[in-house]
Amino acid sequence: MTTSYPTTTVWAVVLAIGVLTFAIRFSFLALFGSGSAEGRSGAGETVSPRIRAVLRYVPPAVLAALVFPAVVTIEPTVAETLSNDRLLAGAAAAAVAWRTESVLATITIGMGALWALQFLL
């Protein structure tokens, strides 16, 4: 892969991205003090209840951000979009997740539905 940018510019951008990524990840350790002796013994106690309540939604949001683009694809027509096997399997998995709140059942039904739909359609 070639680029029109000078080599020093490319390396400066890579270095800046690395420093920013490290700063973002290190900021949680610095904010909540888990690196100190007090933080290790009571790290959960240093986080305010308000921040803890917000952080509860991070795993579902990350999972949705990872799964949603793979499930939803835009086809040329509405009929083709609604008959997409990934969308139908995702809908079945969402229904199972809503009713059972079981990760194992959700994955099993979702993957089973996807394989069955791919075999049938």
Foldseek 3Di string as FASTA:
>chain_A
DDDPDDPVVVVVVVVVVVVVVVCVVCVVCVQQVCVDPVCVVPSVVSDDPVVVVVVVCVVVVVVCVVLVVVQFDDDPDPVCRVLDQSVVLQVQLVVCCVVPVDPVVSVVSSVVSSVVSVVVD
